[in-house]
PDB file of N, CA and C in Angstrom:
ATOM      1  N   MET A   1    -317.254  73.527 -88.145  1.00  0.00           N
ATOM      2  CA  MET A   1    -315.882  73.788 -87.395  1.00  0.00           C
ATOM      3  C   MET A   1    -315.268  74.895 -88.001  1.00  0.00           C
ATOM      4  N   THR A   2    -314.814  75.661 -87.193  1.00  0.00           N
ATOM      5  CA  THR A   2    -313.849  76.858 -87.651  1.00  0.00           C
ATOM      6  C   THR A   2    -312.279  76.650 -87.931  1.00  0.00           C
ATOM      7  N   SER A   3    -311.975  77.594 -88.772  1.00  0.00           N
ATOM      8  CA  SER A   3    -310.420  77.039 -88.945  1.00  0.00           C
ATOM      9  C   SER A   3    -309.826  78.040 -88.015  1.00  0.00           C
ATOM     10  N   PRO A   4    -308.373  77.668 -87.879  1.00  0.00           N
ATOM     11  CA  PRO A   4    -307.519  78.525 -86.855  1.00  0.00           C
ATOM     12  C   PRO A   4    -307.508  79.958 -87.423  1.00  0.00           C
ATOM     13  N   ALA A   5    -307.230  81.005 -86.865  1.00  0.00           N
ATOM     14  CA  ALA A   5    -307.010  82.187 -87.278  1.00  0.00           C
ATOM     15  C   ALA A   5    -305.630  82.328 -88.144  1.00  0.00           C
ATOM     16  N   ARG A   6    -305.607  82.828 -89.219  1.00  0.00           N
ATOM     17  CA  ARG A   6    -304.242  82.876 -89.916  1.00  0.00           C
ATOM     18  C   ARG A   6    -303.844  84.298 -89.800  1.00  0.00           C
ATOM     19  N   LYS A   7    -302.359  84.252 -89.377  1.00  0.00           N
ATOM     20  CA  LYS A   7    -301.772  85.593 -89.274  1.00  0.00           C
ATOM     21  C   LYS A   7    -301.236  86.033 -90.622  1.00  0.00           C
ATOM     22  N   ALA A   8    -301.443  87.512 -90.489  1.00  0.00           N
ATOM     23  CA  ALA A   8    -301.112  88.428 -91.795  1.00  0.00           C
ATOM     24  C   ALA A   8    -299.611  87.990 -92.324  1.00  0.00           C
ATOM     25  N   PRO A   9    -299.469  87.976 -93.683  1.00  0.00           N
ATOM     26  CA  PRO A   9    -298.105  87.630 -94.059  1.00  0.00           C
ATOM     27  C   PRO A   9    -297.162  88.751 -93.659  1.00  0.00           C
ATOM     28  N   ALA A  10    -295.997  88.328 -93.429  1.00  0.00           N
ATOM     29  CA  ALA A  10    -295.070  89.299 -92.787  1.00  0.00           C
ATOM     30  C   ALA A  10    -294.848  90.268 -94.014  1.00  0.00           C
ATOM     31  N   LYS A  11    -294.491  91.813 -93.627  1.00  0.00           N
ATOM     32  CA  LYS A  11    -294.268  92.880 -94.692  1.00  0.00           C
ATOM     33  C   LYS A  11    -292.730  92.526 -94.951  1.00  0.00           C
ATOM     34  N   ALA A  12    -292.374  92.909 -96.016  1.00  0.00           N
ATOM     35  CA  ALA A  12    -291.008  92.673 -96.760  1.00  0.00           C
ATOM     36  C   ALA A  12    -290.314  93.965 -95.810  1.00  0.00           C
ATOM     37  N   ILE A  13    -289.031  93.638 -95.688  1.00  0.00           N
ATOM     38  CA  ILE A  13    -287.870  94.542 -95.215  1.00  0.00           C
ATOM     39  C   ILE A  13    -287.485  95.770 -96.253  1.00  0.00           C
ATOM     40  N   PRO A  14    -287.821  96.812 -96.092  1.00  0.00           N
ATOM     41  CA  PRO A  14    -286.949  97.623 -97.075  1.00  0.00           C
ATOM     42  C   PRO A  14    -285.416  97.376 -97.394  1.00  0.00           C
ATOM     43  N   ALA A  15    -285.150  97.774 -98.884  1.00  0.00           N
ATOM     44  CA  ALA A  15    -283.834  97.160 -99.024  1.00  0.00           C
ATOM     45  C   ALA A  15    -282.886  98.313 -98.202  1.00  0.00           C
ATOM     46  N   GLY A  16    -283.181  99.403 -97.948  1.00  0.00           N
ATOM     47  CA  GLY A  16    -282.351 100.589 -97.336  1.00  0.00           C
ATOM     48  C   GLY A  16    -282.418 100.413 -95.875  1.00  0.00           C
ATOM     49  N   ALA A  17    -282.986  99.605 -95.252  1.00  0.00           N
ATOM     50  CA  ALA A  17    -282.991  99.461 -93.667  1.00  0.00           C
ATOM     51  C   ALA A  17    -281.913  99.073 -93.011  1.00  0.00           C
ATOM     52  N   ARG A  18    -281.574  99.781 -91.904  1.00  0.00           N
ATOM     53  CA  ARG A  18    -280.383  99.254 -91.177  1.00  0.00           C
ATOM     54  C   ARG A  18    -280.343  97.826 -90.712  1.00  0.00           C
ATOM     55  N   LYS A  19    -278.976  97.066 -90.638  1.00  0.00           N
ATOM     56  CA  LYS A  19    -279.207  95.724 -90.159  1.00  0.00           C
ATOM     57  C   LYS A  19    -278.397  95.968 -88.779  1.00  0.00           C
ATOM     58  N   PRO A  20    -278.539  95.059 -88.010  1.00  0.00           N
ATOM     59  CA  PRO A  20    -277.830  95.030 -86.406  1.00  0.00           C
ATOM     60  C   PRO A  20    -276.376  95.465 -86.671  1.00  0.00           C
ATOM     61  N   GLN A  21    -275.765  95.098 -87.826  1.00  0.00           N
ATOM     62  CA  GLN A  21    -274.202  95.076 -87.620  1.00  0.00           C
ATOM     63  C   GLN A  21    -273.912  96.520 -88.173  1.00  0.00           C
ATOM     64  N   ASP A  22    -274.930  97.436 -88.722  1.00  0.00           N
ATOM     65  CA  ASP A  22    -274.691  98.627 -89.240  1.00  0.00           C
ATOM     66  C   ASP A  22    -274.534  99.803 -88.028  1.00  0.00           C
ATOM     67  N   ARG A  23    -275.107  99.527 -87.071  1.00  0.00           N
ATOM     68  CA  ARG A  23    -275.008 100.332 -85.806  1.00  0.00           C
ATOM     69  C   ARG A  23    -273.801 100.582 -85.316  1.00  0.00           C
ATOM     70  N   LYS A  24    -273.605 101.909 -84.898  1.00  0.00           N
ATOM     71  CA  LYS A  24    -272.476 102.235 -84.105  1.00  0.00           C
ATOM     72  C   LYS A  24    -271.999 101.420 -82.832  1.00  0.00           C
ATOM     73  N   PRO A  25    -271.080 101.238 -82.796  1.00  0.00           N
ATOM     74  CA  PRO A  25    -270.614 100.584 -81.679  1.00  0.00           C
ATOM     75  C   PRO A  25    -270.732 101.292 -80.271  1.00  0.00           C
ATOM     76  N   ARG A  26    -271.238 100.897 -79.139  1.00  0.00           N
ATOM     77  CA  ARG A  26    -271.785 101.558 -77.984  1.00  0.00           C
ATOM     78  C   ARG A  26    -270.311 102.099 -77.417  1.00  0.00           C
ATOM     79  N   LYS A  27    -270.569 102.953 -76.516  1.00  0.00           N
ATOM     80  CA  LYS A  27    -269.353 103.502 -75.906  1.00  0.00           C
ATOM     81  C   LYS A  27    -269.040 102.741 -74.706  1.00  0.00           C
ATOM     82  N   PRO A  28    -267.730 102.733 -74.102  1.00  0.00           N
ATOM     83  CA  PRO A  28    -267.216 101.767 -73.247  1.00  0.00           C
ATOM     84  C   PRO A  28    -267.739 102.674 -71.863  1.00  0.00           C
ATOM     85  N   THR A  29    -268.304 101.608 -70.969  1.00  0.00           N
ATOM     86  CA  THR A  29    -268.612 102.213 -69.594  1.00  0.00           C
ATOM     87  C   THR A  29    -267.529 102.886 -68.829  1.00  0.00           C
ATOM     88  N   LYS A  30    -267.767 103.499 -67.793  1.00  0.00           N
ATOM     89  CA  LYS A  30    -266.985 104.066 -67.128  1.00  0.00           C
ATOM     90  C   LYS A  30    -265.793 103.292 -66.366  1.00  0.00           C
ATOM     91  N   ALA A  31    -266.417 102.189 -66.259  1.00  0.00           N
ATOM     92  CA  ALA A  31    -265.530 100.826 -65.661  1.00  0.00           C
ATOM     93  C   ALA A  31    -264.730 100.240 -66.506  1.00  0.00           C
ATOM     94  N   GLU A  32    -265.088 100.070 -67.874  1.00  0.00           N
ATOM     95  CA  GLU A  32    -264.466  99.414 -68.731  1.00  0.00           C
ATOM     96  C   GLU A  32    -263.353 100.346 -69.275  1.00  0.00           C
ATOM     97  N   ALA A  33    -263.717 101.811 -69.212  1.00  0.00           N
ATOM     98  CA  ALA A  33    -262.927 102.821 -69.822  1.00  0.00           C
ATOM     99  C   ALA A  33    -261.510 102.769 -68.709  1.00  0.00           C
ATOM    100  N   GLN A  34    -261.971 102.724 -67.283  1.00  0.00           N
ATOM    101  CA  GLN A  34    -260.868 102.582 -66.332  1.00  0.00           C
ATOM    102  C   GLN A  34    -259.932 101.379 -66.549  1.00  0.00           C
ATOM    103  N   ALA A  35    -260.554 100.512 -66.710  1.00  0.00           N
ATOM    104  CA  ALA A  35    -259.933  99.027 -66.768  1.00  0.00           C
ATOM    105  C   ALA A  35    -259.178  99.003 -68.021  1.00  0.00           C
ATOM    106  N   ALA A  36    -259.196  99.546 -68.949  1.00  0.00           N
ATOM    107  CA  ALA A  36    -258.582  99.412 -70.378  1.00  0.00           C
ATOM    108  C   ALA A  36    -257.256 100.477 -69.805  1.00  0.00           C
ATOM    109  N   GLU A  37    -257.473 101.791 -69.561  1.00  0.00           N
ATOM    110  CA  GLU A  37    -256.807 102.882 -68.920  1.00  0.00           C
ATOM    111  C   GLU A  37    -255.634 102.319 -68.023  1.00  0.00           C
ATOM    112  N   ALA A  38    -255.940 101.508 -67.108  1.00  0.00           N
ATOM    113  CA  ALA A  38    -255.098 100.651 -65.953  1.00  0.00           C
ATOM    114  C   ALA A  38    -254.294  99.622 -66.540  1.00  0.00           C
ATOM    115  N   ALA A  39    -254.522  99.411 -67.818  1.00  0.00           N
ATOM    116  CA  ALA A  39    -253.753  98.365 -68.381  1.00  0.00           C
ATOM    117  C   ALA A  39    -252.728  98.869 -68.658  1.00  0.00           C
ATOM    118  N   ASP A  40    -252.241 100.064 -68.884  1.00  0.00           N
ATOM    119  CA  ASP A  40    -250.901 100.800 -69.054  1.00  0.00           C
ATOM    120  C   ASP A  40    -250.162 101.197 -67.840  1.00  0.00           C
ATOM    121  N   GLY A  41    -250.798 100.687 -66.546  1.00  0.00           N
ATOM    122  CA  GLY A  41    -250.133 100.900 -65.324  1.00  0.00           C
ATOM    123  C   GLY A  41    -250.330 102.257 -64.855  1.00  0.00           C
ATOM    124  N   PHE A  42    -251.380 103.012 -65.081  1.00  0.00           N
ATOM    125  CA  PHE A  42    -251.774 104.323 -64.501  1.00  0.00           C
ATOM    126  C   PHE A  42    -253.330 104.633 -64.825  1.00  0.00           C
ATOM    127  N   VAL A  43    -253.825 105.202 -63.848  1.00  0.00           N
ATOM    128  CA  VAL A  43    -255.436 105.331 -64.159  1.00  0.00           C
ATOM    129  C   VAL A  43    -255.261 107.028 -63.940  1.00  0.00           C
ATOM    130  N   THR A  44    -256.102 107.673 -64.457  1.00  0.00           N
ATOM    131  CA  THR A  44    -256.486 109.042 -64.257  1.00  0.00           C
ATOM    132  C   THR A  44    -257.368 109.498 -63.373  1.00  0.00           C
ATOM    133  N   VAL A  45    -256.888 110.279 -62.404  1.00  0.00           N
ATOM    134  CA  VAL A  45    -258.133 110.714 -61.202  1.00  0.00           C
ATOM    135  C   VAL A  45    -258.147 112.057 -61.402  1.00  0.00           C
ATOM    136  N   GLU A  46    -259.439 112.475 -61.436  1.00  0.00           N
ATOM    137  CA  GLU A  46    -259.840 114.126 -61.584  1.00  0.00           C
ATOM    138  C   GLU A  46    -260.332 114.620 -60.458  1.00  0.00           C
ATOM    139  N   GLN A  47    -259.990 115.951 -59.670  1.00  0.00           N
ATOM    140  CA  GLN A  47    -260.402 116.365 -58.723  1.00  0.00           C
ATOM    141  C   GLN A  47    -260.368 118.033 -59.025  1.00  0.00           C
ATOM    142  N   CYS A  48    -261.599 118.593 -58.705  1.00  0.00           N
ATOM    143  CA  CYS A  48    -261.546 120.146 -59.070  1.00  0.00           C
ATOM    144  C   CYS A  48    -260.963 120.653 -60.308  1.00  0.00           C
ATOM    145  N   GLY A  49    -261.072 119.959 -61.274  1.00  0.00           N
ATOM    146  CA  GLY A  49    -260.550 120.365 -62.740  1.00  0.00           C
ATOM    147  C   GLY A  49    -259.221 119.795 -62.829  1.00  0.00           C
ATOM    148  N   MET A  50    -258.399 119.412 -61.815  1.00  0.00           N
ATOM    149  CA  MET A  50    -257.219 118.701 -62.003  1.00  0.00           C
ATOM    150  C   MET A  50    -256.942 117.443 -62.134  1.00  0.00           C
ATOM    151  N   LYS A  51    -256.296 117.115 -63.063  1.00  0.00           N
ATOM    152  CA  LYS A  51    -256.010 115.439 -63.374  1.00  0.00           C
ATOM    153  C   LYS A  51    -254.737 114.763 -62.705  1.00  0.00           C
ATOM    154  N   PHE A  52    -254.737 113.788 -62.271  1.00  0.00           N
ATOM    155  CA  PHE A  52    -253.522 112.980 -61.845  1.00  0.00           C
ATOM    156  C   PHE A  52    -253.335 111.769 -62.067  1.00  0.00           C
ATOM    157  N   GLN A  53    -252.250 111.611 -62.562  1.00  0.00           N
ATOM    158  CA  GLN A  53    -251.834 110.194 -63.106  1.00  0.00           C
ATOM    159  C   GLN A  53    -251.423 109.452 -61.916  1.00  0.00           C
ATOM    160  N   ILE A  54    -252.070 108.233 -61.295  1.00  0.00           N
ATOM    161  CA  ILE A  54    -251.699 107.347 -60.464  1.00  0.00           C
ATOM    162  C   ILE A  54    -251.378 106.215 -61.162  1.00  0.00           C
ATOM    163  N   PRO A  55    -249.970 105.550 -60.491  1.00  0.00           N
ATOM    164  CA  PRO A  55    -249.551 104.262 -60.649  1.00  0.00           C
ATOM    165  C   PRO A  55    -250.433 103.215 -60.209  1.00  0.00           C
ATOM    166  N   THR A  56    -250.716 102.142 -61.106  1.00  0.00           N
ATOM    167  CA  THR A  56    -251.644 100.934 -60.550  1.00  0.00           C
ATOM    168  C   THR A  56    -251.091  99.871 -60.641  1.00  0.00           C
ATOM    169  N   THR A  57    -249.531  99.414 -60.742  1.00  0.00           N
ATOM    170  CA  THR A  57    -248.972  98.082 -61.001  1.00  0.00           C
ATOM    171  C   THR A  57    -247.592  98.503 -60.507  1.00  0.00           C
ATOM    172  N   GLN A  58    -246.941  97.483 -60.240  1.00  0.00           N
ATOM    173  CA  GLN A  58    -245.453  97.484 -59.519  1.00  0.00           C
ATOM    174  C   GLN A  58    -244.678  98.081 -60.589  1.00  0.00           C
ATOM    175  N   GLU A  59    -244.630  97.872 -61.733  1.00  0.00           N
ATOM    176  CA  GLU A  59    -244.236  98.140 -62.601  1.00  0.00           C
ATOM    177  C   GLU A  59    -243.913  99.729 -62.992  1.00  0.00           C
ATOM    178  N   SER A  60    -245.370 100.095 -62.410  1.00  0.00           N
ATOM    179  CA  SER A  60    -245.253 101.697 -62.703  1.00  0.00           C
ATOM    180  C   SER A  60    -244.832 102.332 -61.779  1.00  0.00           C
ATOM    181  N   LEU A  61    -244.956 101.616 -60.340  1.00  0.00           N
ATOM    182  CA  LEU A  61    -244.480 102.512 -59.010  1.00  0.00           C
ATOM    183  C   LEU A  61    -242.727 102.886 -59.195  1.00  0.00           C
ATOM    184  N   SER A  62    -242.538 104.213 -58.378  1.00  0.00           N
ATOM    185  CA  SER A  62    -241.114 104.445 -58.377  1.00  0.00           C
ATOM    186  C   SER A  62    -240.566 103.741 -57.259  1.00  0.00           C
ATOM    187  N   ALA A  63    -239.153 103.505 -57.218  1.00  0.00           N
ATOM    188  CA  ALA A  63    -238.493 102.918 -56.177  1.00  0.00           C
ATOM    189  C   ALA A  63    -238.695 103.509 -55.126  1.00  0.00           C
ATOM    190  N   GLU A  64    -238.916 104.847 -54.666  1.00  0.00           N
ATOM    191  CA  GLU A  64    -239.127 105.517 -53.365  1.00  0.00           C
ATOM    192  C   GLU A  64    -240.294 105.136 -52.932  1.00  0.00           C
ATOM    193  N   LEU A  65    -241.355 105.162 -53.828  1.00  0.00           N
ATOM    194  CA  LEU A  65    -242.683 104.771 -53.535  1.00  0.00           C
ATOM    195  C   LEU A  65    -242.710 103.391 -52.888  1.00  0.00           C
ATOM    196  N   ALA A  66    -242.165 102.536 -53.774  1.00  0.00           N
ATOM    197  CA  ALA A  66    -242.203 100.918 -53.315  1.00  0.00           C
ATOM    198  C   ALA A  66    -241.359 100.824 -52.130  1.00  0.00           C
ATOM    199  N   LEU A  67    -240.282 101.271 -51.676  1.00  0.00           N
ATOM    200  CA  LEU A  67    -239.763 101.333 -50.440  1.00  0.00           C
ATOM    201  C   LEU A  67    -240.788 101.794 -49.503  1.00  0.00           C
ATOM    202  N   ASP A  68    -241.381 102.930 -49.652  1.00  0.00           N
ATOM    203  CA  ASP A  68    -242.256 103.407 -48.479  1.00  0.00           C
ATOM    204  C   ASP A  68    -243.341 102.409 -48.093  1.00  0.00           C
ATOM    205  N   ILE A  69    -243.972 101.553 -49.150  1.00  0.00           N
ATOM    206  CA  ILE A  69    -244.994 100.753 -49.015  1.00  0.00           C
ATOM    207  C   ILE A  69    -244.410  99.429 -48.285  1.00  0.00           C
ATOM    208  N   MET A  70    -243.106  99.174 -48.610  1.00  0.00           N
ATOM    209  CA  MET A  70    -242.666  97.930 -47.826  1.00  0.00           C
ATOM    210  C   MET A  70    -242.150  98.118 -46.576  1.00  0.00           C
ATOM    211  N   LEU A  71    -241.708  99.222 -46.507  1.00  0.00           N
ATOM    212  CA  LEU A  71    -241.246  99.911 -44.873  1.00  0.00           C
ATOM    213  C   LEU A  71    -242.472 100.188 -44.068  1.00  0.00           C
ATOM    214  N   GLY A  72    -243.819 100.276 -44.549  1.00  0.00           N
ATOM    215  CA  GLY A  72    -244.838 100.559 -43.689  1.00  0.00           C
ATOM    216  C   GLY A  72    -245.098 102.015 -43.378  1.00  0.00           C
ATOM    217  N   ALA A  73    -244.942 102.826 -44.359  1.00  0.00           N
ATOM    218  CA  ALA A  73    -245.113 104.072 -44.221  1.00  0.00           C
ATOM    219  C   ALA A  73    -246.464 104.618 -44.119  1.00  0.00           C
ATOM    220  N   SER A  74    -246.904 105.896 -43.389  1.00  0.00           N
ATOM    221  CA  SER A  74    -248.284 106.189 -43.401  1.00  0.00           C
ATOM    222  C   SER A  74    -248.717 106.099 -44.423  1.00  0.00           C
ATOM    223  N   ASP A  75    -250.260 106.017 -44.353  1.00  0.00           N
ATOM    224  CA  ASP A  75    -251.130 106.137 -45.769  1.00  0.00           C
ATOM    225  C   ASP A  75    -250.917 107.518 -46.160  1.00  0.00           C
ATOM    226  N   GLU A  76    -250.857 108.436 -45.371  1.00  0.00           N
ATOM    227  CA  GLU A  76    -250.912 109.680 -45.968  1.00  0.00           C
ATOM    228  C   GLU A  76    -249.463 109.968 -46.493  1.00  0.00           C
ATOM    229  N   LYS A  77    -248.529 109.781 -45.975  1.00  0.00           N
ATOM    230  CA  LYS A  77    -247.214 109.723 -47.043  1.00  0.00           C
ATOM    231  C   LYS A  77    -247.048 109.305 -48.395  1.00  0.00           C
ATOM    232  N   THR A  78    -247.863 107.723 -48.333  1.00  0.00           N
ATOM    233  CA  THR A  78    -247.998 107.031 -49.432  1.00  0.00           C
ATOM    234  C   THR A  78    -248.830 107.490 -50.471  1.00  0.00           C
ATOM    235  N   LEU A  79    -249.700 108.086 -49.915  1.00  0.00           N
ATOM    236  CA  LEU A  79    -250.649 108.779 -50.816  1.00  0.00           C
ATOM    237  C   LEU A  79    -250.099 110.314 -51.517  1.00  0.00           C
ATOM    238  N   VAL A  80    -249.381 110.772 -50.529  1.00  0.00           N
ATOM    239  CA  VAL A  80    -248.499 112.170 -51.324  1.00  0.00           C
ATOM    240  C   VAL A  80    -247.822 111.574 -52.246  1.00  0.00           C
ATOM    241  N   ASN A  81    -246.925 110.402 -52.219  1.00  0.00           N
ATOM    242  CA  ASN A  81    -245.950 110.021 -53.053  1.00  0.00           C
ATOM    243  C   ASN A  81    -246.740 109.322 -54.190  1.00  0.00           C
ATOM    244  N   LEU A  82    -247.818 108.898 -54.120  1.00  0.00           N
ATOM    245  CA  LEU A  82    -248.880 108.252 -55.235  1.00  0.00           C
ATOM    246  C   LEU A  82    -249.066 109.375 -56.206  1.00  0.00           C
ATOM    247  N   ILE A  83    -249.237 110.514 -55.748  1.00  0.00           N
ATOM    248  CA  ILE A  83    -249.696 111.924 -56.346  1.00  0.00           C
ATOM    249  C   ILE A  83    -248.785 112.562 -56.892  1.00  0.00           C
ATOM    250  N   GLY A  84    -247.859 112.607 -56.083  1.00  0.00           N
ATOM    251  CA  GLY A  84    -246.511 113.334 -56.346  1.00  0.00           C
ATOM    252  C   GLY A  84    -246.648 114.776 -55.669  1.00  0.00           C
ATOM    253  N   GLU A  85    -245.633 114.745 -54.817  1.00  0.00           N
ATOM    254  CA  GLU A  85    -245.697 116.263 -54.036  1.00  0.00           C
ATOM    255  C   GLU A  85    -245.589 117.469 -54.637  1.00  0.00           C
ATOM    256  N   ASP A  86    -245.190 117.525 -55.969  1.00  0.00           N
ATOM    257  CA  ASP A  86    -245.267 118.783 -56.942  1.00  0.00           C
ATOM    258  C   ASP A  86    -246.602 119.043 -57.358  1.00  0.00           C
ATOM    259  N   LYS A  87    -247.412 117.995 -57.683  1.00  0.00           N
ATOM    260  CA  LYS A  87    -248.756 118.159 -58.289  1.00  0.00           C
ATOM    261  C   LYS A  87    -249.712 118.371 -57.006  1.00  0.00           C
ATOM    262  N   LEU A  88    -249.239 117.728 -55.786  1.00  0.00           N
ATOM    263  CA  LEU A  88    -250.275 118.063 -54.645  1.00  0.00           C
ATOM    264  C   LEU A  88    -250.190 119.432 -54.284  1.00  0.00           C
ATOM    265  N   ARG A  89    -248.786 120.117 -54.441  1.00  0.00           N
ATOM    266  CA  ARG A  89    -248.725 121.348 -54.006  1.00  0.00           C
ATOM    267  C   ARG A  89    -249.425 122.452 -55.066  1.00  0.00           C
ATOM    268  N   ALA A  90    -249.269 122.081 -56.308  1.00  0.00           N
ATOM    269  CA  ALA A  90    -250.152 122.810 -57.444  1.00  0.00           C
ATOM    270  C   ALA A  90    -251.770 122.580 -56.920  1.00  0.00           C
ATOM    271  N   PHE A  91    -251.876 121.683 -56.601  1.00  0.00           N
ATOM    272  CA  PHE A  91    -253.486 121.482 -56.391  1.00  0.00           C
ATOM    273  C   PHE A  91    -254.200 122.329 -55.187  1.00  0.00           C
ATOM    274  N   VAL A  92    -253.102 122.127 -54.067  1.00  0.00           N
ATOM    275  CA  VAL A  92    -253.572 123.271 -52.950  1.00  0.00           C
ATOM    276  C   VAL A  92    -253.348 124.625 -53.107  1.00  0.00           C
ATOM    277  N   THR A  93    -252.668 124.852 -54.108  1.00  0.00           N
ATOM    278  CA  THR A  93    -252.472 126.365 -54.384  1.00  0.00           C
ATOM    279  C   THR A  93    -253.348 126.951 -55.684  1.00  0.00           C
ATOM    280  N   MET A  94    -253.922 126.192 -56.248  1.00  0.00           N
ATOM    281  CA  MET A  94    -254.929 126.374 -57.357  1.00  0.00           C
ATOM    282  C   MET A  94    -255.757 127.496 -57.032  1.00  0.00           C
ATOM    283  N   ASP A  95    -255.964 128.279 -58.346  1.00  0.00           N
ATOM    284  CA  ASP A  95    -257.300 129.181 -57.972  1.00  0.00           C
ATOM    285  C   ASP A  95    -258.503 128.777 -58.659  1.00  0.00           C
ATOM    286  N   PRO A  96    -259.421 128.825 -58.050  1.00  0.00           N
ATOM    287  CA  PRO A  96    -260.011 128.987 -56.329  1.00  0.00           C
ATOM    288  C   PRO A  96    -259.392 127.745 -55.621  1.00  0.00           C
ATOM    289  N   LYS A  97    -259.147 128.279 -54.527  1.00  0.00           N
ATOM    290  CA  LYS A  97    -258.666 126.994 -53.661  1.00  0.00           C
ATOM    291  C   LYS A  97    -259.333 125.817 -53.248  1.00  0.00           C
ATOM    292  N   PRO A  98    -259.017 124.918 -53.360  1.00  0.00           N
ATOM    293  CA  PRO A  98    -259.788 123.753 -52.703  1.00  0.00           C
ATOM    294  C   PRO A  98    -259.984 123.539 -51.309  1.00  0.00           C
ATOM    295  N   SER A  99    -261.046 123.097 -50.774  1.00  0.00           N
ATOM    296  CA  SER A  99    -261.222 122.992 -49.392  1.00  0.00           C
ATOM    297  C   SER A  99    -260.713 121.783 -48.971  1.00  0.00           C
ATOM    298  N   ALA A 100    -260.743 121.511 -47.830  1.00  0.00           N
ATOM    299  CA  ALA A 100    -260.186 120.563 -46.966  1.00  0.00           C
ATOM    300  C   ALA A 100    -261.042 119.167 -47.666  1.00  0.00           C
ATOM    301  N   GLY A 101    -262.410 119.485 -47.492  1.00  0.00           N
ATOM    302  CA  GLY A 101    -262.994 118.145 -47.957  1.00  0.00           C
ATOM    303  C   GLY A 101    -262.658 117.806 -49.637  1.00  0.00           C
ATOM    304  N   ASP A 102    -262.201 118.732 -50.324  1.00  0.00           N
ATOM    305  CA  ASP A 102    -261.832 118.461 -51.818  1.00  0.00           C
ATOM    306  C   ASP A 102    -260.677 117.584 -51.536  1.00  0.00           C
ATOM    307  N   LEU A 103    -259.558 118.042 -50.629  1.00  0.00           N
ATOM    308  CA  LEU A 103    -258.126 117.102 -50.582  1.00  0.00           C
ATOM    309  C   LEU A 103    -258.428 115.840 -50.117  1.00  0.00           C
ATOM    310  N   ILE A 104    -259.517 115.639 -49.170  1.00  0.00           N
ATOM    311  CA  ILE A 104    -259.966 114.425 -48.599  1.00  0.00           C
ATOM    312  C   ILE A 104    -260.485 113.527 -49.725  1.00  0.00           C
ATOM    313  N   GLU A 105    -261.413 114.066 -50.613  1.00  0.00           N
ATOM    314  CA  GLU A 105    -262.071 113.441 -51.508  1.00  0.00           C
ATOM    315  C   GLU A 105    -261.078 112.803 -52.463  1.00  0.00           C
ATOM    316  N   LEU A 106    -259.979 113.767 -52.806  1.00  0.00           N
ATOM    317  CA  LEU A 106    -259.064 113.210 -53.854  1.00  0.00           C
ATOM    318  C   LEU A 106    -258.258 112.169 -53.261  1.00  0.00           C
ATOM    319  N   PHE A 107    -257.730 112.208 -52.004  1.00  0.00           N
ATOM    320  CA  PHE A 107    -257.142 110.986 -51.423  1.00  0.00           C
ATOM    321  C   PHE A 107    -258.159 110.131 -51.391  1.00  0.00           C
ATOM    322  N   GLU A 108    -259.246 110.110 -51.212  1.00  0.00           N
ATOM    323  CA  GLU A 108    -260.131 108.693 -51.212  1.00  0.00           C
ATOM    324  C   GLU A 108    -260.119 108.118 -52.820  1.00  0.00           C
ATOM    325  N   LYS A 109    -260.268 109.008 -53.584  1.00  0.00           N
ATOM    326  CA  LYS A 109    -260.501 108.434 -55.176  1.00  0.00           C
ATOM    327  C   LYS A 109    -259.196 107.742 -55.600  1.00  0.00           C
ATOM    328  N   VAL A 110    -257.577 108.217 -54.771  1.00  0.00           N
ATOM    329  CA  VAL A 110    -256.374 107.453 -55.095  1.00  0.00           C
ATOM    330  C   VAL A 110    -256.551 106.283 -54.411  1.00  0.00           C
ATOM    331  N   LYS A 111    -257.152 106.438 -53.172  1.00  0.00           N
ATOM    332  CA  LYS A 111    -257.354 105.104 -52.386  1.00  0.00           C
ATOM    333  C   LYS A 111    -258.017 103.915 -53.195  1.00  0.00           C
ATOM    334  N   ASP A 112    -259.072 104.382 -53.806  1.00  0.00           N
ATOM    335  CA  ASP A 112    -259.846 103.618 -54.276  1.00  0.00           C
ATOM    336  C   ASP A 112    -259.214 102.619 -55.660  1.00  0.00           C
ATOM    337  N   THR A 113    -258.224 103.730 -56.414  1.00  0.00           N
ATOM    338  CA  THR A 113    -257.580 102.895 -57.461  1.00  0.00           C
ATOM    339  C   THR A 113    -256.587 101.975 -57.005  1.00  0.00           C
ATOM    340  N   GLN A 114    -256.204 102.039 -55.732  1.00  0.00           N
ATOM    341  CA  GLN A 114    -255.393 101.108 -55.130  1.00  0.00           C
ATOM    342  C   GLN A 114    -255.891  99.792 -54.906  1.00  0.00           C
ATOM    343  N   GLY A 115    -257.234  99.767 -54.441  1.00  0.00           N
ATOM    344  CA  GLY A 115    -257.829  98.456 -54.074  1.00  0.00           C
ATOM    345  C   GLY A 115    -257.993  98.436 -52.668  1.00  0.00           C
ATOM    346  N   ASN A 116    -258.029  99.602 -52.045  1.00  0.00           N
ATOM    347  CA  ASN A 116    -258.008  99.938 -50.388  1.00  0.00           C
ATOM    348  C   ASN A 116    -259.461 100.213 -50.116  1.00  0.00           C
TER     349      ASN A 116
END
């Protein structure tokens, strides 16, 4: 009768070897970063190199914007108020000029922050 095969003895771990707790923490995913950012009531949307701070909670909305939403203002007017008329004018007059597609894409990104 033959005896079962024996495993080779485990090699000793070197003293200077890294341990799991020594690793660098992983970077947060984009979704995790946005969720952490939204915790302060605003989320940043970037389009054509320009950044926009978009309110995401009732506490961070202006009274004018809250009134527009309650009175059922058009989506376009609400989006303009979310972005800010002055920031929107700066966006459309920047050099190089953004296309209509860039503006539509900006509006879509802002809509996404509102859960629509």
